[in-house]
Each structure stands twice: as C-alpha cells, then as structure tokens.
Amino acid sequence: MALYLVVFVVSIYKFPLYKDSSLRLIPVILFFTLATEFIGGYIKYDLGEAFSNIILFNIYYLIYFSLFLYVFMRLIEGKRFKWYIKICIIIFWIFYISDLVFTDIFTQSFTRSYFTGASGLIFCIILYYINILQSSLVLVVKNDLLFWISVGLFLFFVGYIPIKIIKSWYFYFQMESFFQILLLIQFSLIVVMYSFFLIGFLWMKKR
C-alpha cells in the first residue's frame, strides 16, 4: 500500500510534464487503484464476513481496463493499431456486459471480464512495442513514461494471469501452503510493476 501511495504522489508531482496528453489519466487510475485496495482491505479485514468487497473489484475492473486501453489507443501511432485496440475495448465491454447479465455482481467475481481485459491489455502493449520499433521513439524510450508503464503492466499480467486462473478455478484443493506461495508471487509482481511505474515517472521527459 505504501508503494501505491509513493507512486501516486510522484505522478502528481510530475503531472505538469504530461498534463496535455492522454497520460493524464494515469494518476486517475493510480488513485482509483489505491482507493479500491484500501476500501477492499477494510471491508475484508475489518468488517468481516458480513460484507463482501467483490462488487467493489468488479466495478474496478471496468474502470481500470477501460482507461488503460483508452490511453494506449490514444497514444499509439497508426490507424491500424488504433483500430485493433478499439476492437479490444469493444470485446472487453461485451464480456463485461455478459458478466453483468449472467453473474451476480455482489457475490461472484467477474473473472471472464478480468481475463479479457488483461489479455487485451497485453495485446495492446505488444502493439505499442511494435509501434516503438517502427518509429523514432525507440531513440528516446528511456524517457517515455508509457514505455515504463507498459513494461510494468506486461510483467505483472503475464505473471499474474496464471495465478488468477488457479485462484479462481482451483481453490477447492485447499492447499494453504501453496496459496501462500501464490500470494508471495503476487505481491512480488505488484512491487515489480509499481517499481517500473516509479522509474517511468522519475526518468520521464515531456512527450
């Protein structure tokens, strides 16, 4: 939680450097993530089993993935790549609407929406890397905030999707020690992701 806060504060401090681009949505995403984790943790650990934080995270998925996909769509160059990302957004929304219709938002996690959003984001990041290699951005990538954001996101989701699958569909095996290892890996992935975010904000130059 402390790392979340540090990165958010630095993002606000550096805001004048990217306030005129779509990257200005990044602090919104960071703040919403920080608030969701804080409120979700409070509900889980302080309010007990009488309350569920599932609906909070289901709503979070919609905002988180929609905003990140939008940022990549706006900043990536090339009409073809932009069109691919638009399709990703539409597919994600279709899955999210289907979860709204067929899944109880209060008691069941929108797992399909999460996997669709995460997979779509990985796809967008790959498109972004191709875009970098085909443009002059490759020469100044060290100072490009979106590059460091994308590295953090890519490493996190590539590592976390298998963990999410295990946690979602194989929880009934009741292997507590194994799940403790998964939680440790998950925590490590979060630290790695936010560390790259922090590097990006510290090294960035005005785009």
C-alpha atoms as a PDB file:
ATOM      1  CA  MET A   1       0.000   0.000   0.000  1.00  0.00           C
ATOM      2  CA  ALA A   2       2.886   2.383   0.764  1.00  0.00           C
ATOM      3  CA  LEU A   3       4.371   1.847  -2.706  1.00  0.00           C
ATOM      4  CA  TYR A   4       0.954   2.601  -4.252  1.00  0.00           C
ATOM      5  CA  LEU A   5       0.905   5.911  -2.382  1.00  0.00           C
ATOM      6  CA  VAL A   6       4.502   6.835  -3.245  1.00  0.00           C
ATOM      7  CA  VAL A   7       3.939   6.259  -6.967  1.00  0.00           C
ATOM      8  CA  PHE A   8       0.682   8.225  -6.878  1.00  0.00           C
ATOM      9  CA  VAL A   9       2.344  11.190  -5.136  1.00  0.00           C
ATOM     10  CA  VAL A  10       5.216  11.189  -7.648  1.00  0.00           C
ATOM     11  CA  SER A  11       2.703  11.019 -10.511  1.00  0.00           C
ATOM     12  CA  ILE A  12       1.028  14.174  -9.193  1.00  0.00           C
ATOM     13  CA  TYR A  13       4.377  15.922  -8.767  1.00  0.00           C
ATOM     14  CA  LYS A  14       5.306  15.100 -12.380  1.00  0.00           C
ATOM     15  CA  PHE A  15       1.841  15.889 -13.711  1.00  0.00           C
ATOM     16  CA  PRO A  16       2.843  19.183 -15.459  1.00  0.00           C
ATOM     17  CA  LEU A  17       5.058  17.136 -17.810  1.00  0.00           C
ATOM     18  CA  TYR A  18       2.161  15.115 -19.224  1.00  0.00           C
ATOM     19  CA  LYS A  19      -0.983  17.085 -18.397  1.00  0.00           C
ATOM     20  CA  ASP A  20      -1.634  17.820 -22.082  1.00  0.00           C
ATOM     21  CA  SER A  21      -1.575  14.176 -23.197  1.00  0.00           C
ATOM     22  CA  SER A  22      -3.793  11.164 -22.533  1.00  0.00           C
ATOM     23  CA  LEU A  23      -1.229  10.097 -19.927  1.00  0.00           C
ATOM     24  CA  ARG A  24      -3.064  12.482 -17.579  1.00  0.00           C
ATOM     25  CA  LEU A  25      -5.429   9.576 -16.932  1.00  0.00           C
ATOM     26  CA  ILE A  26      -2.643   7.574 -15.261  1.00  0.00           C
ATOM     27  CA  PRO A  27      -2.944   9.367 -11.867  1.00  0.00           C
ATOM     28  CA  VAL A  28      -6.701   8.727 -12.025  1.00  0.00           C
ATOM     29  CA  ILE A  29      -6.046   5.004 -12.472  1.00  0.00           C
ATOM     30  CA  LEU A  30      -3.444   5.014  -9.694  1.00  0.00           C
ATOM     31  CA  PHE A  31      -5.746   6.831  -7.286  1.00  0.00           C
ATOM     32  CA  PHE A  32      -8.680   4.571  -8.092  1.00  0.00           C
ATOM     33  CA  THR A  33      -6.458   1.517  -7.539  1.00  0.00           C
ATOM     34  CA  LEU A  34      -5.206   2.893  -4.230  1.00  0.00           C
ATOM     35  CA  ALA A  35      -8.750   3.685  -3.050  1.00  0.00           C
ATOM     36  CA  THR A  36     -10.094   0.308  -4.172  1.00  0.00           C
ATOM     37  CA  GLU A  37      -7.338  -1.627  -2.408  1.00  0.00           C
ATOM     38  CA  PHE A  38      -7.777   0.416   0.777  1.00  0.00           C
ATOM     39  CA  ILE A  39     -11.572   0.121   0.887  1.00  0.00           C
ATOM     40  CA  GLY A  40     -11.464  -3.510  -0.224  1.00  0.00           C
ATOM     41  CA  GLY A  41      -8.960  -4.356   2.525  1.00  0.00           C
ATOM     42  CA  TYR A  42     -11.048  -2.531   5.117  1.00  0.00           C
ATOM     43  CA  ILE A  43     -14.172  -4.459   4.109  1.00  0.00           C
ATOM     44  CA  LYS A  44     -12.337  -7.801   4.114  1.00  0.00           C
ATOM     45  CA  TYR A  45     -10.336  -7.491   7.336  1.00  0.00           C
ATOM     46  CA  ASP A  46     -12.339  -5.064   9.487  1.00  0.00           C
ATOM     47  CA  LEU A  47     -15.979  -5.649   8.585  1.00  0.00           C
ATOM     48  CA  GLY A  48     -15.716  -9.423   8.389  1.00  0.00           C
ATOM     49  CA  GLU A  49     -17.783 -11.984   6.520  1.00  0.00           C
ATOM     50  CA  ALA A  50     -20.989  -9.968   6.828  1.00  0.00           C
ATOM     51  CA  PHE A  51     -19.778  -7.743   3.985  1.00  0.00           C
ATOM     52  CA  SER A  52     -18.205  -8.582   0.626  1.00  0.00           C
ATOM     53  CA  ASN A  53     -15.769  -6.492  -1.389  1.00  0.00           C
ATOM     54  CA  ILE A  54     -16.457  -8.408  -4.606  1.00  0.00           C
ATOM     55  CA  ILE A  55     -18.740  -5.761  -6.108  1.00  0.00           C
ATOM     56  CA  LEU A  56     -16.055  -3.140  -5.499  1.00  0.00           C
ATOM     57  CA  PHE A  57     -13.468  -5.044  -7.533  1.00  0.00           C
ATOM     58  CA  ASN A  58     -15.991  -5.929 -10.248  1.00  0.00           C
ATOM     59  CA  ILE A  59     -16.612  -2.218 -10.801  1.00  0.00           C
ATOM     60  CA  TYR A  60     -12.874  -1.586 -10.576  1.00  0.00           C
ATOM     61  CA  TYR A  61     -12.181  -3.973 -13.473  1.00  0.00           C
ATOM     62  CA  LEU A  62     -14.410  -1.923 -15.781  1.00  0.00           C
ATOM     63  CA  ILE A  63     -12.752   1.402 -14.995  1.00  0.00           C
ATOM     64  CA  TYR A  64      -9.171   0.091 -14.799  1.00  0.00           C
ATOM     65  CA  PHE A  65      -9.082  -1.793 -18.090  1.00  0.00           C
ATOM     66  CA  SER A  66     -11.217   0.710 -19.997  1.00  0.00           C
ATOM     67  CA  LEU A  67      -8.951   3.612 -19.029  1.00  0.00           C
ATOM     68  CA  PHE A  68      -5.681   1.812 -19.755  1.00  0.00           C
ATOM     69  CA  LEU A  69      -6.933   0.538 -23.111  1.00  0.00           C
ATOM     70  CA  TYR A  70      -8.072   4.061 -23.949  1.00  0.00           C
ATOM     71  CA  VAL A  71      -4.656   5.509 -23.059  1.00  0.00           C
ATOM     72  CA  PHE A  72      -2.903   3.071 -25.396  1.00  0.00           C
ATOM     73  CA  MET A  73      -5.437   3.711 -28.153  1.00  0.00           C
ATOM     74  CA  ARG A  74      -4.864   7.469 -27.941  1.00  0.00           C
ATOM     75  CA  LEU A  75      -1.074   7.369 -27.791  1.00  0.00           C
ATOM     76  CA  ILE A  76      -0.221   4.601 -30.212  1.00  0.00           C
ATOM     77  CA  GLU A  77       0.540   5.666 -33.776  1.00  0.00           C
ATOM     78  CA  GLY A  78      -1.044   4.107 -36.819  1.00  0.00           C
ATOM     79  CA  LYS A  79      -4.723   3.811 -37.738  1.00  0.00           C
ATOM     80  CA  ARG A  80      -4.493   0.030 -37.980  1.00  0.00           C
ATOM     81  CA  PHE A  81      -3.153  -0.333 -34.422  1.00  0.00           C
ATOM     82  CA  LYS A  82      -5.766   2.102 -33.116  1.00  0.00           C
ATOM     83  CA  TRP A  83      -8.473   0.044 -34.805  1.00  0.00           C
ATOM     84  CA  TYR A  84      -7.181  -3.163 -33.193  1.00  0.00           C
ATOM     85  CA  ILE A  85      -7.329  -1.527 -29.765  1.00  0.00           C
ATOM     86  CA  LYS A  86     -10.871  -0.270 -30.403  1.00  0.00           C
ATOM     87  CA  ILE A  87     -11.847  -3.873 -31.117  1.00  0.00           C
ATOM     88  CA  CYS A  88     -10.201  -4.931 -27.832  1.00  0.00           C
ATOM     89  CA  ILE A  89     -12.234  -2.338 -25.950  1.00  0.00           C
ATOM     90  CA  ILE A  90     -15.480  -3.473 -27.603  1.00  0.00           C
ATOM     91  CA  ILE A  91     -14.749  -7.137 -26.836  1.00  0.00           C
ATOM     92  CA  PHE A  92     -13.956  -6.284 -23.213  1.00  0.00           C
ATOM     93  CA  TRP A  93     -17.199  -4.358 -22.836  1.00  0.00           C
ATOM     94  CA  ILE A  94     -19.169  -7.229 -24.386  1.00  0.00           C
ATOM     95  CA  PHE A  95     -17.709  -9.650 -21.841  1.00  0.00           C
ATOM     96  CA  TYR A  96     -18.333  -7.179 -19.035  1.00  0.00           C
ATOM     97  CA  ILE A  97     -21.984  -6.725 -20.039  1.00  0.00           C
ATOM     98  CA  SER A  98     -22.365 -10.514 -20.250  1.00  0.00           C
ATOM     99  CA  ASP A  99     -20.986 -10.793 -16.716  1.00  0.00           C
ATOM    100  CA  LEU A 100     -23.446  -8.140 -15.566  1.00  0.00           C
ATOM    101  CA  VAL A 101     -26.284 -10.177 -17.051  1.00  0.00           C
ATOM    102  CA  PHE A 102     -25.232 -13.702 -16.128  1.00  0.00           C
ATOM    103  CA  THR A 103     -23.077 -13.236 -12.998  1.00  0.00           C
ATOM    104  CA  ASP A 104     -24.095 -11.923  -9.587  1.00  0.00           C
ATOM    105  CA  ILE A 105     -22.059  -8.733  -9.226  1.00  0.00           C
ATOM    106  CA  PHE A 106     -22.397  -8.847  -5.417  1.00  0.00           C
ATOM    107  CA  THR A 107     -21.181 -12.393  -4.778  1.00  0.00           C
ATOM    108  CA  GLN A 108     -19.197 -13.574  -7.838  1.00  0.00           C
ATOM    109  CA  SER A 109     -16.050 -12.137  -9.332  1.00  0.00           C
ATOM    110  CA  PHE A 110     -16.212 -11.075 -12.987  1.00  0.00           C
ATOM    111  CA  THR A 111     -13.432 -13.480 -13.886  1.00  0.00           C
ATOM    112  CA  ARG A 112     -14.170 -13.574 -17.620  1.00  0.00           C
ATOM    113  CA  SER A 113     -14.094  -9.785 -17.789  1.00  0.00           C
ATOM    114  CA  TYR A 114     -10.786  -9.726 -15.933  1.00  0.00           C
ATOM    115  CA  PHE A 115      -9.129 -12.236 -18.252  1.00  0.00           C
ATOM    116  CA  THR A 116     -10.492 -10.452 -21.331  1.00  0.00           C
ATOM    117  CA  GLY A 117      -9.280  -7.063 -20.095  1.00  0.00           C
ATOM    118  CA  ALA A 118      -5.862  -8.381 -19.065  1.00  0.00           C
ATOM    119  CA  SER A 119      -5.365 -10.262 -22.336  1.00  0.00           C
ATOM    120  CA  GLY A 120      -6.471  -7.218 -24.313  1.00  0.00           C
ATOM    121  CA  LEU A 121      -4.035  -5.031 -22.405  1.00  0.00           C
ATOM    122  CA  ILE A 122      -1.140  -7.428 -23.080  1.00  0.00           C
ATOM    123  CA  PHE A 123      -2.070  -7.363 -26.769  1.00  0.00           C
ATOM    124  CA  CYS A 124      -2.104  -3.544 -26.768  1.00  0.00           C
ATOM    125  CA  ILE A 125       1.300  -3.438 -25.088  1.00  0.00           C
ATOM    126  CA  ILE A 126       2.746  -5.723 -27.777  1.00  0.00           C
ATOM    127  CA  LEU A 127       1.288  -3.398 -30.434  1.00  0.00           C
ATOM    128  CA  TYR A 128       2.879  -0.482 -28.607  1.00  0.00           C
ATOM    129  CA  TYR A 129       6.295  -2.190 -28.652  1.00  0.00           C
ATOM    130  CA  ILE A 130       5.945  -2.845 -32.394  1.00  0.00           C
ATOM    131  CA  ASN A 131       4.993   0.805 -32.833  1.00  0.00           C
ATOM    132  CA  ILE A 132       8.127   1.896 -30.938  1.00  0.00           C
ATOM    133  CA  LEU A 133      10.391  -0.250 -33.108  1.00  0.00           C
ATOM    134  CA  GLN A 134       8.836   1.256 -36.234  1.00  0.00           C
ATOM    135  CA  SER A 135       9.259   4.871 -35.128  1.00  0.00           C
ATOM    136  CA  SER A 136      11.805   7.321 -33.765  1.00  0.00           C
ATOM    137  CA  LEU A 137      10.502   6.697 -30.224  1.00  0.00           C
ATOM    138  CA  VAL A 138      12.997   3.861 -29.933  1.00  0.00           C
ATOM    139  CA  LEU A 139      15.727   6.509 -29.624  1.00  0.00           C
ATOM    140  CA  VAL A 140      14.155   8.196 -26.574  1.00  0.00           C
ATOM    141  CA  VAL A 141      12.367   5.256 -24.993  1.00  0.00           C
ATOM    142  CA  LYS A 142      14.248   5.695 -21.709  1.00  0.00           C
ATOM    143  CA  ASN A 143      12.399   8.954 -21.080  1.00  0.00           C
ATOM    144  CA  ASP A 144       8.994   7.766 -22.300  1.00  0.00           C
ATOM    145  CA  LEU A 145       6.593   7.286 -19.373  1.00  0.00           C
ATOM    146  CA  LEU A 146       4.282   4.992 -21.310  1.00  0.00           C
ATOM    147  CA  PHE A 147       7.179   2.634 -22.059  1.00  0.00           C
ATOM    148  CA  TRP A 148       7.917   2.071 -18.361  1.00  0.00           C
ATOM    149  CA  ILE A 149       4.205   1.822 -17.557  1.00  0.00           C
ATOM    150  CA  SER A 150       3.812  -0.790 -20.276  1.00  0.00           C
ATOM    151  CA  VAL A 151       6.801  -2.827 -19.044  1.00  0.00           C
ATOM    152  CA  GLY A 152       5.350  -2.911 -15.528  1.00  0.00           C
ATOM    153  CA  LEU A 153       1.893  -3.872 -16.769  1.00  0.00           C
ATOM    154  CA  PHE A 154       3.231  -6.524 -19.131  1.00  0.00           C
ATOM    155  CA  LEU A 155       5.358  -8.258 -16.494  1.00  0.00           C
ATOM    156  CA  PHE A 156       2.539  -8.131 -13.948  1.00  0.00           C
ATOM    157  CA  PHE A 157      -0.232  -9.552 -16.113  1.00  0.00           C
ATOM    158  CA  VAL A 158       1.911 -12.200 -17.785  1.00  0.00           C
ATOM    159  CA  GLY A 159       2.855 -13.402 -14.306  1.00  0.00           C
ATOM    160  CA  TYR A 160      -0.487 -12.871 -12.601  1.00  0.00           C
ATOM    161  CA  ILE A 161      -2.946 -14.364 -15.122  1.00  0.00           C
ATOM    162  CA  PRO A 162      -1.862 -17.968 -14.284  1.00  0.00           C
ATOM    163  CA  ILE A 163      -2.191 -17.144 -10.575  1.00  0.00           C
ATOM    164  CA  LYS A 164      -5.661 -15.688 -11.159  1.00  0.00           C
ATOM    165  CA  ILE A 165      -6.690 -18.850 -13.008  1.00  0.00           C
ATOM    166  CA  ILE A 166      -5.519 -21.050 -10.143  1.00  0.00           C
ATOM    167  CA  LYS A 167      -7.179 -18.851  -7.510  1.00  0.00           C
ATOM    168  CA  SER A 168     -10.428 -18.681  -9.473  1.00  0.00           C
ATOM    169  CA  TRP A 169     -10.901 -22.290 -10.533  1.00  0.00           C
ATOM    170  CA  TYR A 170      -8.768 -24.493  -8.288  1.00  0.00           C
ATOM    171  CA  PHE A 171      -9.395 -23.006  -4.871  1.00  0.00           C
ATOM    172  CA  TYR A 172     -11.187 -26.146  -3.690  1.00  0.00           C
ATOM    173  CA  PHE A 173      -7.920 -28.101  -3.417  1.00  0.00           C
ATOM    174  CA  GLN A 174      -7.399 -26.397  -0.035  1.00  0.00           C
ATOM    175  CA  MET A 175      -3.587 -26.344  -0.273  1.00  0.00           C
ATOM    176  CA  GLU A 176      -2.947 -23.457   2.108  1.00  0.00           C
ATOM    177  CA  SER A 177       0.845 -23.530   1.864  1.00  0.00           C
ATOM    178  CA  PHE A 178       0.659 -23.469  -1.938  1.00  0.00           C
ATOM    179  CA  PHE A 179      -1.646 -20.468  -1.919  1.00  0.00           C
ATOM    180  CA  GLN A 180       0.693 -18.668   0.463  1.00  0.00           C
ATOM    181  CA  ILE A 181       3.392 -19.052  -2.196  1.00  0.00           C
ATOM    182  CA  LEU A 182       0.991 -17.679  -4.815  1.00  0.00           C
ATOM    183  CA  LEU A 183       0.283 -14.663  -2.617  1.00  0.00           C
ATOM    184  CA  LEU A 184       4.021 -14.053  -2.238  1.00  0.00           C
ATOM    185  CA  ILE A 185       4.493 -14.200  -6.005  1.00  0.00           C
ATOM    186  CA  GLN A 186       1.513 -11.893  -6.485  1.00  0.00           C
ATOM    187  CA  PHE A 187       2.972  -9.386  -4.027  1.00  0.00           C
ATOM    188  CA  SER A 188       6.351  -9.558  -5.788  1.00  0.00           C
ATOM    189  CA  LEU A 189       4.700  -8.904  -9.154  1.00  0.00           C
ATOM    190  CA  ILE A 190       2.940  -5.838  -7.734  1.00  0.00           C
ATOM    191  CA  VAL A 191       6.224  -4.500  -6.349  1.00  0.00           C
ATOM    192  CA  VAL A 192       7.936  -5.045  -9.701  1.00  0.00           C
ATOM    193  CA  MET A 193       5.112  -3.345 -11.602  1.00  0.00           C
ATOM    194  CA  TYR A 194       4.994  -0.276  -9.379  1.00  0.00           C
ATOM    195  CA  SER A 195       8.783  -0.060  -9.354  1.00  0.00           C
ATOM    196  CA  PHE A 196       8.716   0.291 -13.146  1.00  0.00           C
ATOM    197  CA  PHE A 197       5.942   2.879 -12.806  1.00  0.00           C
ATOM    198  CA  LEU A 198       8.155   4.826 -10.408  1.00  0.00           C
ATOM    199  CA  ILE A 199      11.163   4.626 -12.726  1.00  0.00           C
ATOM    200  CA  GLY A 200       8.986   5.927 -15.534  1.00  0.00           C
ATOM    201  CA  PHE A 201       7.839   8.958 -13.581  1.00  0.00           C
ATOM    202  CA  LEU A 202      11.350   9.743 -12.327  1.00  0.00           C
ATOM    203  CA  TRP A 203      13.020   9.447 -15.738  1.00  0.00           C
ATOM    204  CA  MET A 204      10.275  10.860 -17.925  1.00  0.00           C
ATOM    205  CA  LYS A 205      10.577  13.950 -20.076  1.00  0.00           C
ATOM    206  CA  LYS A 206       7.753  15.942 -21.626  1.00  0.00           C
ATOM    207  CA  ARG A 207       6.292  13.976 -24.506  1.00  0.00           C
END
